[in-house]
Amino acid sequence: ESVTVAGAVRPSTTVRWTLAGDRDLAGYKVYWRRTTSPTWDHWRWVGRTDHATLTDMVIDNHFFGVAAVATNGDESPVAFPMPAR
């Protein structure tokens, strides 16, 4: 929920979201792909946090998304971020 992305004019990208209060939440995965790719080619487990910074990842060259992961391994659809204000 409330996923945003920031990183213009920087060599890193920060993705933020609202941390869910669900006790069955194991954590989050941040996904990314080149703007030319039709599939989510990469992901990073970031755990129970409300943000992640991907260093050496230029925002203009990638699409980003976040998925919640339950303790049983179920995963939400990937949520696309809105530009940070």
C-alpha atoms as a PDB file:
ATOM      1  CA  GLU A   1       0.000   0.000   0.000  1.00  0.00           C
ATOM      2  CA  SER A   2       1.159   3.552  -0.721  1.00  0.00           C
ATOM      3  CA  VAL A   3       4.262   2.507  -2.661  1.00  0.00           C
ATOM      4  CA  THR A   4       6.515   5.364  -3.842  1.00  0.00           C
ATOM      5  CA  VAL A   5       9.839   5.538  -5.628  1.00  0.00           C
ATOM      6  CA  ALA A   6      12.539   8.229  -5.604  1.00  0.00           C
ATOM      7  CA  GLY A   7      15.977   8.527  -7.092  1.00  0.00           C
ATOM      8  CA  ALA A   8      16.036  11.144  -9.827  1.00  0.00           C
ATOM      9  CA  VAL A   9      19.534  12.504 -10.472  1.00  0.00           C
ATOM     10  CA  ARG A  10      21.086   9.907  -8.138  1.00  0.00           C
ATOM     11  CA  PRO A  11      22.874   6.592  -8.713  1.00  0.00           C
ATOM     12  CA  SER A  12      20.500   4.799  -6.312  1.00  0.00           C
ATOM     13  CA  THR A  13      16.763   4.271  -6.017  1.00  0.00           C
ATOM     14  CA  THR A  14      14.679   4.246  -2.839  1.00  0.00           C
ATOM     15  CA  VAL A  15      11.326   2.465  -2.728  1.00  0.00           C
ATOM     16  CA  ARG A  16       8.971   3.131   0.208  1.00  0.00           C
ATOM     17  CA  TRP A  17       5.624   1.662   1.238  1.00  0.00           C
ATOM     18  CA  THR A  18       3.280   1.454   4.214  1.00  0.00           C
ATOM     19  CA  LEU A  19       4.273  -1.387   6.521  1.00  0.00           C
ATOM     20  CA  ALA A  20       1.277  -3.675   7.053  1.00  0.00           C
ATOM     21  CA  GLY A  21       0.324  -4.511  10.626  1.00  0.00           C
ATOM     22  CA  ASP A  22      -0.717  -8.069   9.736  1.00  0.00           C
ATOM     23  CA  ARG A  23       0.911 -10.591  12.092  1.00  0.00           C
ATOM     24  CA  ASP A  24       1.055 -13.125   9.225  1.00  0.00           C
ATOM     25  CA  LEU A  25       3.370 -10.795   7.270  1.00  0.00           C
ATOM     26  CA  ALA A  26       6.854 -12.269   6.896  1.00  0.00           C
ATOM     27  CA  GLY A  27       8.177  -9.262   4.990  1.00  0.00           C
ATOM     28  CA  TYR A  28       8.538  -7.745   1.547  1.00  0.00           C
ATOM     29  CA  LYS A  29      10.285  -8.342  -1.752  1.00  0.00           C
ATOM     30  CA  VAL A  30      11.359  -5.452  -3.961  1.00  0.00           C
ATOM     31  CA  TYR A  31      11.243  -6.325  -7.656  1.00  0.00           C
ATOM     32  CA  TRP A  32      12.891  -4.570 -10.591  1.00  0.00           C
ATOM     33  CA  ARG A  33      13.332  -5.009 -14.293  1.00  0.00           C
ATOM     34  CA  ARG A  34      14.827  -3.086 -17.187  1.00  0.00           C
ATOM     35  CA  THR A  35      12.321  -0.853 -18.931  1.00  0.00           C
ATOM     36  CA  THR A  36      12.610  -3.112 -21.988  1.00  0.00           C
ATOM     37  CA  SER A  37      11.744  -6.341 -20.115  1.00  0.00           C
ATOM     38  CA  PRO A  38       8.168  -7.702 -19.941  1.00  0.00           C
ATOM     39  CA  THR A  39       8.896  -9.775 -16.793  1.00  0.00           C
ATOM     40  CA  TRP A  40      10.144  -9.160 -13.249  1.00  0.00           C
ATOM     41  CA  ASP A  41      13.697 -10.421 -13.711  1.00  0.00           C
ATOM     42  CA  HIS A  42      15.198  -9.496 -10.330  1.00  0.00           C
ATOM     43  CA  TRP A  43      14.104  -9.250  -6.723  1.00  0.00           C
ATOM     44  CA  ARG A  44      15.569  -8.674  -3.289  1.00  0.00           C
ATOM     45  CA  TRP A  45      14.164  -9.836   0.038  1.00  0.00           C
ATOM     46  CA  VAL A  46      14.088  -6.829   2.369  1.00  0.00           C
ATOM     47  CA  GLY A  47      12.142  -8.242   5.327  1.00  0.00           C
ATOM     48  CA  ARG A  48       9.714  -6.407   7.611  1.00  0.00           C
ATOM     49  CA  THR A  49      10.584  -2.851   6.762  1.00  0.00           C
ATOM     50  CA  ASP A  50       8.901   0.080   5.036  1.00  0.00           C
ATOM     51  CA  HIS A  51      11.633   0.952   2.535  1.00  0.00           C
ATOM     52  CA  ALA A  52      14.622  -0.276   0.571  1.00  0.00           C
ATOM     53  CA  THR A  53      17.452   1.531  -1.209  1.00  0.00           C
ATOM     54  CA  LEU A  54      18.918  -0.149  -4.275  1.00  0.00           C
ATOM     55  CA  THR A  55      22.423   1.219  -4.781  1.00  0.00           C
ATOM     56  CA  ASP A  56      23.891   1.609  -8.261  1.00  0.00           C
ATOM     57  CA  MET A  57      20.363   1.313  -9.665  1.00  0.00           C
ATOM     58  CA  VAL A  58      19.402   4.276 -11.851  1.00  0.00           C
ATOM     59  CA  ILE A  59      15.672   4.956 -11.613  1.00  0.00           C
ATOM     60  CA  ASP A  60      15.348   5.882 -15.310  1.00  0.00           C
ATOM     61  CA  ASN A  61      16.533   2.455 -16.509  1.00  0.00           C
ATOM     62  CA  HIS A  62      14.205   0.235 -14.459  1.00  0.00           C
ATOM     63  CA  PHE A  63      10.643  -0.414 -13.335  1.00  0.00           C
ATOM     64  CA  PHE A  64      10.202  -1.176  -9.626  1.00  0.00           C
ATOM     65  CA  GLY A  65       7.562  -2.902  -7.545  1.00  0.00           C
ATOM     66  CA  VAL A  66       6.909  -4.308  -4.076  1.00  0.00           C
ATOM     67  CA  ALA A  67       5.181  -7.509  -2.981  1.00  0.00           C
ATOM     68  CA  ALA A  68       4.145  -8.554   0.530  1.00  0.00           C
ATOM     69  CA  VAL A  69       5.049 -12.098   1.575  1.00  0.00           C
ATOM     70  CA  ALA A  70       3.083 -14.029   4.199  1.00  0.00           C
ATOM     71  CA  THR A  71       4.639 -16.387   6.727  1.00  0.00           C
ATOM     72  CA  ASN A  72       3.212 -19.326   4.730  1.00  0.00           C
ATOM     73  CA  GLY A  73       5.034 -18.113   1.602  1.00  0.00           C
ATOM     74  CA  ASP A  74       2.029 -16.658  -0.222  1.00  0.00           C
ATOM     75  CA  GLU A  75       2.915 -13.484  -2.084  1.00  0.00           C
ATOM     76  CA  SER A  76       0.778 -10.505  -3.095  1.00  0.00           C
ATOM     77  CA  PRO A  77       0.755  -9.175  -6.641  1.00  0.00           C
ATOM     78  CA  VAL A  78       3.578  -6.732  -7.302  1.00  0.00           C
ATOM     79  CA  ALA A  79       2.482  -3.147  -6.580  1.00  0.00           C
ATOM     80  CA  PHE A  80       3.875  -0.421  -8.820  1.00  0.00           C
ATOM     81  CA  PRO A  81       5.029   2.757  -7.059  1.00  0.00           C
ATOM     82  CA  MET A  82       3.890   6.300  -7.609  1.00  0.00           C
ATOM     83  CA  PRO A  83       6.556   9.015  -7.925  1.00  0.00           C
ATOM     84  CA  ALA A  84       7.588  10.401  -4.518  1.00  0.00           C
ATOM     85  CA  ARG A  85       6.692  14.018  -3.868  1.00  0.00           C
END
